[in-house]
Amino acid sequence: MKAPILIVKNLPAAGMAIFPFVLLKSAGLKNDQELINHEKIHLRQQLELLVVPFYLLYVLNYLINLARYRNHHTAYRNILFEKEAYDNEEDLKYLKNRSWYAWLKKI
């Protein structure tokens, strides 16, 4: 999956996926293959959920986690979509073999 990369200096994170773009905080991060792979996993998740439902589920899952864990970082890391992306970001061939709705396995 070839995704256009945009540099957004004020980005609150190192990277972010907003379909169809990968946003990076600095140009130097273009060489971070694991970060790019992580964001491309999110693009695939967004695509299979037709984009808008992805964002709704993402925020809902975060809010449920925040109520459960009472900690932003823990709530964020336990979002189903983030679990899939973090667990597979080092596997640069993951997207070639990934099954549809693979994030459901993280429930």
PDB file of N, CA and C in Angstrom:
ATOM      1  N   MET A   1       0.857  -1.178   0.000  1.00  0.00           N
ATOM      2  CA  MET A   1       0.000   0.000   0.000  1.00  0.00           C
ATOM      3  C   MET A   1       0.896   1.233   0.000  1.00  0.00           C
ATOM      4  N   LYS A   2       0.759   2.020  -1.007  1.00  0.00           N
ATOM      5  CA  LYS A   2       1.510   3.273  -1.111  1.00  0.00           C
ATOM      6  C   LYS A   2       0.634   4.386  -0.570  1.00  0.00           C
ATOM      7  N   ALA A   3       1.117   5.041   0.466  1.00  0.00           N
ATOM      8  CA  ALA A   3       0.338   6.115   1.077  1.00  0.00           C
ATOM      9  C   ALA A   3       1.113   7.421   0.978  1.00  0.00           C
ATOM     10  N   PRO A   4       0.435   8.508   0.602  1.00  0.00           N
ATOM     11  CA  PRO A   4       1.115   9.806   0.589  1.00  0.00           C
ATOM     12  C   PRO A   4       1.509  10.193   2.024  1.00  0.00           C
ATOM     13  N   ILE A   5       2.728  10.683   2.172  1.00  0.00           N
ATOM     14  CA  ILE A   5       3.242  11.098   3.479  1.00  0.00           C
ATOM     15  C   ILE A   5       3.282  12.620   3.535  1.00  0.00           C
ATOM     16  N   LEU A   6       2.688  13.164   4.581  1.00  0.00           N
ATOM     17  CA  LEU A   6       2.704  14.607   4.804  1.00  0.00           C
ATOM     18  C   LEU A   6       3.448  14.898   6.104  1.00  0.00           C
ATOM     19  N   ILE A   7       4.240  15.960   6.121  1.00  0.00           N
ATOM     20  CA  ILE A   7       4.946  16.382   7.329  1.00  0.00           C
ATOM     21  C   ILE A   7       4.107  17.475   7.997  1.00  0.00           C
ATOM     22  N   VAL A   8       3.768  17.227   9.266  1.00  0.00           N
ATOM     23  CA  VAL A   8       2.964  18.169  10.051  1.00  0.00           C
ATOM     24  C   VAL A   8       3.730  18.427  11.342  1.00  0.00           C
ATOM     25  N   LYS A   9       4.462  19.519  11.385  1.00  0.00           N
ATOM     26  CA  LYS A   9       5.365  19.800  12.503  1.00  0.00           C
ATOM     27  C   LYS A   9       4.675  19.881  13.865  1.00  0.00           C
ATOM     28  N   ASN A  10       3.429  20.295  13.909  1.00  0.00           N
ATOM     29  CA  ASN A  10       2.704  20.431  15.180  1.00  0.00           C
ATOM     30  C   ASN A  10       1.913  19.184  15.561  1.00  0.00           C
ATOM     31  N   LEU A  11       2.163  18.081  14.894  1.00  0.00           N
ATOM     32  CA  LEU A  11       1.459  16.838  15.175  1.00  0.00           C
ATOM     33  C   LEU A  11       1.705  16.423  16.626  1.00  0.00           C
ATOM     34  N   PRO A  12       0.667  16.005  17.350  1.00  0.00           N
ATOM     35  CA  PRO A  12       0.846  15.650  18.768  1.00  0.00           C
ATOM     36  C   PRO A  12       1.526  14.301  18.982  1.00  0.00           C
ATOM     37  N   ALA A  13       1.780  13.561  17.913  1.00  0.00           N
ATOM     38  CA  ALA A  13       2.451  12.261  17.999  1.00  0.00           C
ATOM     39  C   ALA A  13       3.492  12.185  16.895  1.00  0.00           C
ATOM     40  N   ALA A  14       4.357  11.179  16.934  1.00  0.00           N
ATOM     41  CA  ALA A  14       5.370  11.007  15.890  1.00  0.00           C
ATOM     42  C   ALA A  14       4.715  10.743  14.541  1.00  0.00           C
ATOM     43  N   GLY A  15       3.615   9.980  14.561  1.00  0.00           N
ATOM     44  CA  GLY A  15       2.916   9.663  13.329  1.00  0.00           C
ATOM     45  C   GLY A  15       1.439   9.502  13.569  1.00  0.00           C
ATOM     46  N   MET A  16       0.686   9.613  12.482  1.00  0.00           N
ATOM     47  CA  MET A  16      -0.766   9.482  12.564  1.00  0.00           C
ATOM     48  C   MET A  16      -1.271   9.111  11.163  1.00  0.00           C
ATOM     49  N   ALA A  17      -2.313   8.309  11.127  1.00  0.00           N
ATOM     50  CA  ALA A  17      -2.919   7.935   9.854  1.00  0.00           C
ATOM     51  C   ALA A  17      -4.300   8.558   9.757  1.00  0.00           C
ATOM     52  N   ILE A  18      -4.486   9.375   8.744  1.00  0.00           N
ATOM     53  CA  ILE A  18      -5.794   9.946   8.444  1.00  0.00           C
ATOM     54  C   ILE A  18      -6.025   9.683   6.962  1.00  0.00           C
ATOM     55  N   PHE A  19      -6.867   8.697   6.712  1.00  0.00           N
ATOM     56  CA  PHE A  19      -7.043   8.194   5.360  1.00  0.00           C
ATOM     57  C   PHE A  19      -7.210   9.317   4.342  1.00  0.00           C
ATOM     58  N   PRO A  20      -6.424   9.279   3.269  1.00  0.00           N
ATOM     59  CA  PRO A  20      -5.478   8.258   2.820  1.00  0.00           C
ATOM     60  C   PRO A  20      -4.010   8.602   3.128  1.00  0.00           C
ATOM     61  N   PHE A  21      -3.792   9.495   4.084  1.00  0.00           N
ATOM     62  CA  PHE A  21      -2.451  10.019   4.345  1.00  0.00           C
ATOM     63  C   PHE A  21      -1.803   9.429   5.592  1.00  0.00           C
ATOM     64  N   VAL A  22      -0.485   9.370   5.563  1.00  0.00           N
ATOM     65  CA  VAL A  22       0.311   9.137   6.765  1.00  0.00           C
ATOM     66  C   VAL A  22       0.918  10.487   7.118  1.00  0.00           C
ATOM     67  N   LEU A  23       0.637  10.966   8.313  1.00  0.00           N
ATOM     68  CA  LEU A  23       1.180  12.239   8.788  1.00  0.00           C
ATOM     69  C   LEU A  23       2.359  11.948   9.705  1.00  0.00           C
ATOM     70  N   LEU A  24       3.449  12.681   9.516  1.00  0.00           N
ATOM     71  CA  LEU A  24       4.633  12.521  10.351  1.00  0.00           C
ATOM     72  C   LEU A  24       5.027  13.868  10.934  1.00  0.00           C
ATOM     73  N   LYS A  25       5.581  13.826  12.140  1.00  0.00           N
ATOM     74  CA  LYS A  25       5.987  15.050  12.828  1.00  0.00           C
ATOM     75  C   LYS A  25       7.223  15.694  12.193  1.00  0.00           C
ATOM     76  N   SER A  26       8.098  14.873  11.609  1.00  0.00           N
ATOM     77  CA  SER A  26       9.302  15.429  10.976  1.00  0.00           C
ATOM     78  C   SER A  26       9.708  14.593   9.763  1.00  0.00           C
ATOM     79  N   ALA A  27      10.422  15.206   8.853  1.00  0.00           N
ATOM     80  CA  ALA A  27      10.850  14.531   7.628  1.00  0.00           C
ATOM     81  C   ALA A  27      11.773  13.357   7.930  1.00  0.00           C
ATOM     82  N   GLY A  28      12.543  13.435   9.004  1.00  0.00           N
ATOM     83  CA  GLY A  28      13.450  12.358   9.372  1.00  0.00           C
ATOM     84  C   GLY A  28      12.728  11.052   9.673  1.00  0.00           C
ATOM     85  N   LEU A  29      11.474  11.126  10.031  1.00  0.00           N
ATOM     86  CA  LEU A  29      10.694   9.929  10.353  1.00  0.00           C
ATOM     87  C   LEU A  29      10.287   9.139   9.112  1.00  0.00           C
ATOM     88  N   LYS A  30      10.504   9.713   7.927  1.00  0.00           N
ATOM     89  CA  LYS A  30      10.191   8.990   6.690  1.00  0.00           C
ATOM     90  C   LYS A  30      11.006   7.706   6.579  1.00  0.00           C
ATOM     91  N   ASN A  31      12.137   7.651   7.271  1.00  0.00           N
ATOM     92  CA  ASN A  31      13.002   6.469   7.231  1.00  0.00           C
ATOM     93  C   ASN A  31      12.671   5.447   8.308  1.00  0.00           C
ATOM     94  N   ASP A  32      11.729   5.756   9.175  1.00  0.00           N
ATOM     95  CA  ASP A  32      11.343   4.844  10.253  1.00  0.00           C
ATOM     96  C   ASP A  32      10.314   3.856   9.704  1.00  0.00           C
ATOM     97  N   GLN A  33      10.800   2.731   9.211  1.00  0.00           N
ATOM     98  CA  GLN A  33       9.931   1.756   8.545  1.00  0.00           C
ATOM     99  C   GLN A  33       8.883   1.169   9.478  1.00  0.00           C
ATOM    100  N   GLU A  34       9.216   0.986  10.742  1.00  0.00           N
ATOM    101  CA  GLU A  34       8.246   0.428  11.689  1.00  0.00           C
ATOM    102  C   GLU A  34       7.110   1.422  11.955  1.00  0.00           C
ATOM    103  N   LEU A  35       7.452   2.688  12.088  1.00  0.00           N
ATOM    104  CA  LEU A  35       6.422   3.717  12.288  1.00  0.00           C
ATOM    105  C   LEU A  35       5.512   3.797  11.061  1.00  0.00           C
ATOM    106  N   ILE A  36       6.094   3.807   9.892  1.00  0.00           N
ATOM    107  CA  ILE A  36       5.310   3.862   8.648  1.00  0.00           C
ATOM    108  C   ILE A  36       4.409   2.625   8.554  1.00  0.00           C
ATOM    109  N   ASN A  37       4.947   1.460   8.886  1.00  0.00           N
ATOM    110  CA  ASN A  37       4.165   0.227   8.844  1.00  0.00           C
ATOM    111  C   ASN A  37       3.003   0.293   9.838  1.00  0.00           C
ATOM    112  N   HIS A  38       3.278   0.804  11.034  1.00  0.00           N
ATOM    113  CA  HIS A  38       2.243   0.977  12.060  1.00  0.00           C
ATOM    114  C   HIS A  38       1.098   1.832  11.505  1.00  0.00           C
ATOM    115  N   GLU A  39       1.445   2.937  10.890  1.00  0.00           N
ATOM    116  CA  GLU A  39       0.416   3.843  10.350  1.00  0.00           C
ATOM    117  C   GLU A  39      -0.305   3.226   9.151  1.00  0.00           C
ATOM    118  N   LYS A  40       0.392   2.438   8.349  1.00  0.00           N
ATOM    119  CA  LYS A  40      -0.260   1.774   7.215  1.00  0.00           C
ATOM    120  C   LYS A  40      -1.240   0.709   7.698  1.00  0.00           C
ATOM    121  N   ILE A  41      -0.942   0.081   8.825  1.00  0.00           N
ATOM    122  CA  ILE A  41      -1.900  -0.868   9.414  1.00  0.00           C
ATOM    123  C   ILE A  41      -3.180  -0.112   9.759  1.00  0.00           C
ATOM    124  N   HIS A  42      -3.040   1.086  10.326  1.00  0.00           N
ATOM    125  CA  HIS A  42      -4.222   1.899  10.622  1.00  0.00           C
ATOM    126  C   HIS A  42      -4.973   2.285   9.341  1.00  0.00           C
ATOM    127  N   LEU A  43      -4.258   2.584   8.281  1.00  0.00           N
ATOM    128  CA  LEU A  43      -4.929   2.912   7.016  1.00  0.00           C
ATOM    129  C   LEU A  43      -5.760   1.732   6.528  1.00  0.00           C
ATOM    130  N   ARG A  44      -5.222   0.526   6.664  1.00  0.00           N
ATOM    131  CA  ARG A  44      -5.966  -0.667   6.250  1.00  0.00           C
ATOM    132  C   ARG A  44      -7.211  -0.848   7.120  1.00  0.00           C
ATOM    133  N   GLN A  45      -7.061  -0.625   8.419  1.00  0.00           N
ATOM    134  CA  GLN A  45      -8.204  -0.712   9.327  1.00  0.00           C
ATOM    135  C   GLN A  45      -9.277   0.307   8.931  1.00  0.00           C
ATOM    136  N   GLN A  46      -8.835   1.513   8.617  1.00  0.00           N
ATOM    137  CA  GLN A  46      -9.767   2.573   8.224  1.00  0.00           C
ATOM    138  C   GLN A  46     -10.490   2.197   6.936  1.00  0.00           C
ATOM    139  N   LEU A  47      -9.755   1.645   6.010  1.00  0.00           N
ATOM    140  CA  LEU A  47     -10.328   1.263   4.720  1.00  0.00           C
ATOM    141  C   LEU A  47     -11.388   0.173   4.885  1.00  0.00           C
ATOM    142  N   GLU A  48     -11.093  -0.846   5.675  1.00  0.00           N
ATOM    143  CA  GLU A  48     -12.047  -1.939   5.805  1.00  0.00           C
ATOM    144  C   GLU A  48     -13.298  -1.528   6.587  1.00  0.00           C
ATOM    145  N   LEU A  49     -13.200  -0.467   7.385  1.00  0.00           N
ATOM    146  CA  LEU A  49     -14.371   0.025   8.114  1.00  0.00           C
ATOM    147  C   LEU A  49     -15.003   1.248   7.434  1.00  0.00           C
ATOM    148  N   LEU A  50     -14.555   1.540   6.227  1.00  0.00           N
ATOM    149  CA  LEU A  50     -15.084   2.663   5.443  1.00  0.00           C
ATOM    150  C   LEU A  50     -14.852   4.010   6.131  1.00  0.00           C
ATOM    151  N   VAL A  51     -13.717   4.158   6.752  1.00  0.00           N
ATOM    152  CA  VAL A  51     -13.138   5.364   7.325  1.00  0.00           C
ATOM    153  C   VAL A  51     -13.903   5.927   8.531  1.00  0.00           C
ATOM    154  N   VAL A  52     -15.055   6.518   8.339  1.00  0.00           N
ATOM    155  CA  VAL A  52     -15.745   7.197   9.453  1.00  0.00           C
ATOM    156  C   VAL A  52     -16.072   6.246  10.607  1.00  0.00           C
ATOM    157  N   PRO A  53     -16.617   5.040  10.348  1.00  0.00           N
ATOM    158  CA  PRO A  53     -16.864   4.128  11.466  1.00  0.00           C
ATOM    159  C   PRO A  53     -15.580   3.763  12.234  1.00  0.00           C
ATOM    160  N   PHE A  54     -14.446   3.733  11.540  1.00  0.00           N
ATOM    161  CA  PHE A  54     -13.175   3.478  12.234  1.00  0.00           C
ATOM    162  C   PHE A  54     -12.947   4.524  13.317  1.00  0.00           C
ATOM    163  N   TYR A  55     -13.102   5.792  12.961  1.00  0.00           N
ATOM    164  CA  TYR A  55     -12.845   6.864  13.926  1.00  0.00           C
ATOM    165  C   TYR A  55     -13.836   6.809  15.086  1.00  0.00           C
ATOM    166  N   LEU A  56     -15.091   6.489  14.795  1.00  0.00           N
ATOM    167  CA  LEU A  56     -16.094   6.375  15.853  1.00  0.00           C
ATOM    168  C   LEU A  56     -15.753   5.233  16.806  1.00  0.00           C
ATOM    169  N   LEU A  57     -15.401   4.069  16.256  1.00  0.00           N
ATOM    170  CA  LEU A  57     -15.028   2.930  17.097  1.00  0.00           C
ATOM    171  C   LEU A  57     -13.739   3.195  17.866  1.00  0.00           C
ATOM    172  N   TYR A  58     -12.804   3.884  17.226  1.00  0.00           N
ATOM    173  CA  TYR A  58     -11.524   4.206  17.860  1.00  0.00           C
ATOM    174  C   TYR A  58     -11.765   5.065  19.110  1.00  0.00           C
ATOM    175  N   VAL A  59     -12.528   6.132  18.943  1.00  0.00           N
ATOM    176  CA  VAL A  59     -12.803   7.046  20.056  1.00  0.00           C
ATOM    177  C   VAL A  59     -13.628   6.339  21.135  1.00  0.00           C
ATOM    178  N   LEU A  60     -14.635   5.580  20.736  1.00  0.00           N
ATOM    179  CA  LEU A  60     -15.457   4.848  21.699  1.00  0.00           C
ATOM    180  C   LEU A  60     -14.620   3.857  22.501  1.00  0.00           C
ATOM    181  N   ASN A  61     -13.762   3.119  21.815  1.00  0.00           N
ATOM    182  CA  ASN A  61     -12.886   2.157  22.495  1.00  0.00           C
ATOM    183  C   ASN A  61     -11.939   2.866  23.455  1.00  0.00           C
ATOM    184  N   TYR A  62     -11.412   4.016  23.049  1.00  0.00           N
ATOM    185  CA  TYR A  62     -10.538   4.798  23.926  1.00  0.00           C
ATOM    186  C   TYR A  62     -11.297   5.258  25.175  1.00  0.00           C
ATOM    187  N   LEU A  63     -12.504   5.778  25.001  1.00  0.00           N
ATOM    188  CA  LEU A  63     -13.279   6.283  26.139  1.00  0.00           C
ATOM    189  C   LEU A  63     -13.642   5.160  27.119  1.00  0.00           C
ATOM    190  N   ILE A  64     -14.004   4.011  26.589  1.00  0.00           N
ATOM    191  CA  ILE A  64     -14.288   2.856  27.447  1.00  0.00           C
ATOM    192  C   ILE A  64     -13.028   2.463  28.211  1.00  0.00           C
ATOM    193  N   ASN A  65     -11.903   2.426  27.511  1.00  0.00           N
ATOM    194  CA  ASN A  65     -10.628   2.082  28.159  1.00  0.00           C
ATOM    195  C   ASN A  65     -10.237   3.114  29.204  1.00  0.00           C
ATOM    196  N   LEU A  66     -10.495   4.382  28.917  1.00  0.00           N
ATOM    197  CA  LEU A  66     -10.147   5.440  29.865  1.00  0.00           C
ATOM    198  C   LEU A  66     -10.965   5.292  31.153  1.00  0.00           C
ATOM    199  N   ALA A  67     -12.235   4.965  31.011  1.00  0.00           N
ATOM    200  CA  ALA A  67     -13.071   4.732  32.190  1.00  0.00           C
ATOM    201  C   ALA A  67     -12.596   3.497  32.954  1.00  0.00           C
ATOM    202  N   ARG A  68     -12.147   2.505  32.215  1.00  0.00           N
ATOM    203  CA  ARG A  68     -11.695   1.246  32.829  1.00  0.00           C
ATOM    204  C   ARG A  68     -10.353   1.399  33.526  1.00  0.00           C
ATOM    205  N   TYR A  69      -9.369   2.010  32.842  1.00  0.00           N
ATOM    206  CA  TYR A  69      -7.994   2.071  33.354  1.00  0.00           C
ATOM    207  C   TYR A  69      -7.655   3.369  34.081  1.00  0.00           C
ATOM    208  N   ARG A  70      -8.442   4.420  33.845  1.00  0.00           N
ATOM    209  CA  ARG A  70      -8.197   5.732  34.464  1.00  0.00           C
ATOM    210  C   ARG A  70      -6.788   6.263  34.189  1.00  0.00           C
ATOM    211  N   ASN A  71      -6.281   5.950  32.993  1.00  0.00           N
ATOM    212  CA  ASN A  71      -4.939   6.375  32.606  1.00  0.00           C
ATOM    213  C   ASN A  71      -4.901   6.511  31.085  1.00  0.00           C
ATOM    214  N   HIS A  72      -4.504   7.683  30.591  1.00  0.00           N
ATOM    215  CA  HIS A  72      -4.506   7.933  29.141  1.00  0.00           C
ATOM    216  C   HIS A  72      -3.637   6.924  28.391  1.00  0.00           C
ATOM    217  N   HIS A  73      -2.400   6.746  28.831  1.00  0.00           N
ATOM    218  CA  HIS A  73      -1.466   5.879  28.099  1.00  0.00           C
ATOM    219  C   HIS A  73      -1.977   4.435  28.041  1.00  0.00           C
ATOM    220  N   THR A  74      -2.443   3.931  29.159  1.00  0.00           N
ATOM    221  CA  THR A  74      -2.954   2.558  29.203  1.00  0.00           C
ATOM    222  C   THR A  74      -4.208   2.427  28.349  1.00  0.00           C
ATOM    223  N   ALA A  75      -5.080   3.427  28.412  1.00  0.00           N
ATOM    224  CA  ALA A  75      -6.302   3.409  27.600  1.00  0.00           C
ATOM    225  C   ALA A  75      -5.950   3.406  26.109  1.00  0.00           C
ATOM    226  N   TYR A  76      -5.003   4.247  25.722  1.00  0.00           N
ATOM    227  CA  TYR A  76      -4.570   4.337  24.323  1.00  0.00           C
ATOM    228  C   TYR A  76      -3.965   3.021  23.843  1.00  0.00           C
ATOM    229  N   ARG A  77      -3.062   2.443  24.637  1.00  0.00           N
ATOM    230  CA  ARG A  77      -2.375   1.211  24.222  1.00  0.00           C
ATOM    231  C   ARG A  77      -3.317   0.010  24.162  1.00  0.00           C
ATOM    232  N   ASN A  78      -4.473   0.113  24.795  1.00  0.00           N
ATOM    233  CA  ASN A  78      -5.434  -0.986  24.784  1.00  0.00           C
ATOM    234  C   ASN A  78      -6.576  -0.800  23.791  1.00  0.00           C
ATOM    235  N   ILE A  79      -6.488   0.229  22.954  1.00  0.00           N
ATOM    236  CA  ILE A  79      -7.447   0.364  21.852  1.00  0.00           C
ATOM    237  C   ILE A  79      -7.189  -0.810  20.911  1.00  0.00           C
ATOM    238  N   LEU A  80      -8.236  -1.501  20.505  1.00  0.00           N
ATOM    239  CA  LEU A  80      -8.081  -2.689  19.660  1.00  0.00           C
ATOM    240  C   LEU A  80      -7.211  -2.421  18.434  1.00  0.00           C
ATOM    241  N   PHE A  81      -7.425  -1.293  17.799  1.00  0.00           N
ATOM    242  CA  PHE A  81      -6.686  -0.947  16.585  1.00  0.00           C
ATOM    243  C   PHE A  81      -5.202  -0.724  16.882  1.00  0.00           C
ATOM    244  N   GLU A  82      -4.917  -0.112  18.033  1.00  0.00           N
ATOM    245  CA  GLU A  82      -3.524   0.120  18.421  1.00  0.00           C
ATOM    246  C   GLU A  82      -2.829  -1.190  18.784  1.00  0.00           C
ATOM    247  N   LYS A  83      -3.553  -2.082  19.431  1.00  0.00           N
ATOM    248  CA  LYS A  83      -2.965  -3.374  19.784  1.00  0.00           C
ATOM    249  C   LYS A  83      -2.487  -4.096  18.529  1.00  0.00           C
ATOM    250  N   GLU A  84      -3.338  -4.134  17.510  1.00  0.00           N
ATOM    251  CA  GLU A  84      -2.942  -4.801  16.267  1.00  0.00           C
ATOM    252  C   GLU A  84      -1.736  -4.109  15.651  1.00  0.00           C
ATOM    253  N   ALA A  85      -1.765  -2.788  15.595  1.00  0.00           N
ATOM    254  CA  ALA A  85      -0.676  -2.045  14.959  1.00  0.00           C
ATOM    255  C   ALA A  85       0.641  -2.210  15.726  1.00  0.00           C
ATOM    256  N   TYR A  86       0.608  -2.067  17.044  1.00  0.00           N
ATOM    257  CA  TYR A  86       1.836  -2.221  17.826  1.00  0.00           C
ATOM    258  C   TYR A  86       2.364  -3.653  17.777  1.00  0.00           C
ATOM    259  N   ASP A  87       1.478  -4.630  17.833  1.00  0.00           N
ATOM    260  CA  ASP A  87       1.908  -6.033  17.819  1.00  0.00           C
ATOM    261  C   ASP A  87       2.556  -6.437  16.501  1.00  0.00           C
ATOM    262  N   ASN A  88       2.259  -5.714  15.424  1.00  0.00           N
ATOM    263  CA  ASN A  88       2.729  -6.125  14.094  1.00  0.00           C
ATOM    264  C   ASN A  88       3.577  -5.095  13.365  1.00  0.00           C
ATOM    265  N   GLU A  89       3.906  -3.977  14.004  1.00  0.00           N
ATOM    266  CA  GLU A  89       4.631  -2.923  13.302  1.00  0.00           C
ATOM    267  C   GLU A  89       6.032  -3.350  12.853  1.00  0.00           C
ATOM    268  N   GLU A  90       6.635  -4.292  13.545  1.00  0.00           N
ATOM    269  CA  GLU A  90       7.982  -4.739  13.177  1.00  0.00           C
ATOM    270  C   GLU A  90       7.974  -5.712  12.000  1.00  0.00           C
ATOM    271  N   ASP A  91       6.836  -6.322  11.723  1.00  0.00           N
ATOM    272  CA  ASP A  91       6.695  -7.270  10.616  1.00  0.00           C
ATOM    273  C   ASP A  91       6.328  -6.479   9.357  1.00  0.00           C
ATOM    274  N   LEU A  92       7.339  -6.151   8.577  1.00  0.00           N
ATOM    275  CA  LEU A  92       7.117  -5.298   7.401  1.00  0.00           C
ATOM    276  C   LEU A  92       6.342  -6.006   6.290  1.00  0.00           C
ATOM    277  N   LYS A  93       6.109  -7.312   6.431  1.00  0.00           N
ATOM    278  CA  LYS A  93       5.304  -8.063   5.460  1.00  0.00           C
ATOM    279  C   LYS A  93       3.906  -8.359   6.000  1.00  0.00           C
ATOM    280  N   TYR A  94       3.602  -7.836   7.169  1.00  0.00           N
ATOM    281  CA  TYR A  94       2.330  -8.132   7.818  1.00  0.00           C
ATOM    282  C   TYR A  94       1.124  -7.796   6.945  1.00  0.00           C
ATOM    283  N   LEU A  95       1.136  -6.638   6.325  1.00  0.00           N
ATOM    284  CA  LEU A  95      -0.026  -6.222   5.538  1.00  0.00           C
ATOM    285  C   LEU A  95      -0.271  -7.113   4.318  1.00  0.00           C
ATOM    286  N   LYS A  96       0.768  -7.770   3.839  1.00  0.00           N
ATOM    287  CA  LYS A  96       0.596  -8.669   2.695  1.00  0.00           C
ATOM    288  C   LYS A  96      -0.157  -9.935   3.092  1.00  0.00           C
ATOM    289  N   ASN A  97      -0.029 -10.327   4.363  1.00  0.00           N
ATOM    290  CA  ASN A  97      -0.636 -11.576   4.834  1.00  0.00           C
ATOM    291  C   ASN A  97      -1.818 -11.351   5.777  1.00  0.00           C
ATOM    292  N   ARG A  98      -2.097 -10.116   6.099  1.00  0.00           N
ATOM    293  CA  ARG A  98      -3.127  -9.782   7.091  1.00  0.00           C
ATOM    294  C   ARG A  98      -4.512 -10.166   6.586  1.00  0.00           C
ATOM    295  N   SER A  99      -5.287 -10.775   7.470  1.00  0.00           N
ATOM    296  CA  SER A  99      -6.667 -11.088   7.129  1.00  0.00           C
ATOM    297  C   SER A  99      -7.548  -9.869   7.428  1.00  0.00           C
ATOM    298  N   TRP A 100      -8.704  -9.823   6.778  1.00  0.00           N
ATOM    299  CA  TRP A 100      -9.647  -8.730   7.004  1.00  0.00           C
ATOM    300  C   TRP A 100     -10.101  -8.746   8.455  1.00  0.00           C
ATOM    301  N   TYR A 101     -10.262  -7.581   9.028  1.00  0.00           N
ATOM    302  CA  TYR A 101     -10.749  -7.393  10.389  1.00  0.00           C
ATOM    303  C   TYR A 101      -9.880  -8.118  11.424  1.00  0.00           C
ATOM    304  N   ALA A 102      -8.571  -8.143  11.174  1.00  0.00           N
ATOM    305  CA  ALA A 102      -7.637  -8.821  12.075  1.00  0.00           C
ATOM    306  C   ALA A 102      -7.660  -8.201  13.473  1.00  0.00           C
ATOM    307  N   TRP A 103      -8.032  -6.953  13.597  1.00  0.00           N
ATOM    308  CA  TRP A 103      -8.081  -6.292  14.897  1.00  0.00           C
ATOM    309  C   TRP A 103      -9.115  -6.921  15.816  1.00  0.00           C
ATOM    310  N   LEU A 104     -10.098  -7.630  15.261  1.00  0.00           N
ATOM    311  CA  LEU A 104     -11.109  -8.295  16.090  1.00  0.00           C
ATOM    312  C   LEU A 104     -10.494  -9.381  16.981  1.00  0.00           C
ATOM    313  N   LYS A 105      -9.347  -9.897  16.562  1.00  0.00           N
ATOM    314  CA  LYS A 105      -8.658 -10.911  17.374  1.00  0.00           C
ATOM    315  C   LYS A 105      -8.121 -10.326  18.669  1.00  0.00           C
ATOM    316  N   LYS A 106      -8.093  -9.012  18.781  1.00  0.00           N
ATOM    317  CA  LYS A 106      -7.567  -8.345  19.970  1.00  0.00           C
ATOM    318  C   LYS A 106      -8.637  -8.116  21.036  1.00  0.00           C
ATOM    319  N   ILE A 107      -9.867  -8.555  20.766  1.00  0.00           N
ATOM    320  CA  ILE A 107     -10.946  -8.394  21.755  1.00  0.00           C
ATOM    321  C   ILE A 107     -10.690  -9.322  22.925  1.00  0.00           C
TER     322      ILE A 107
END
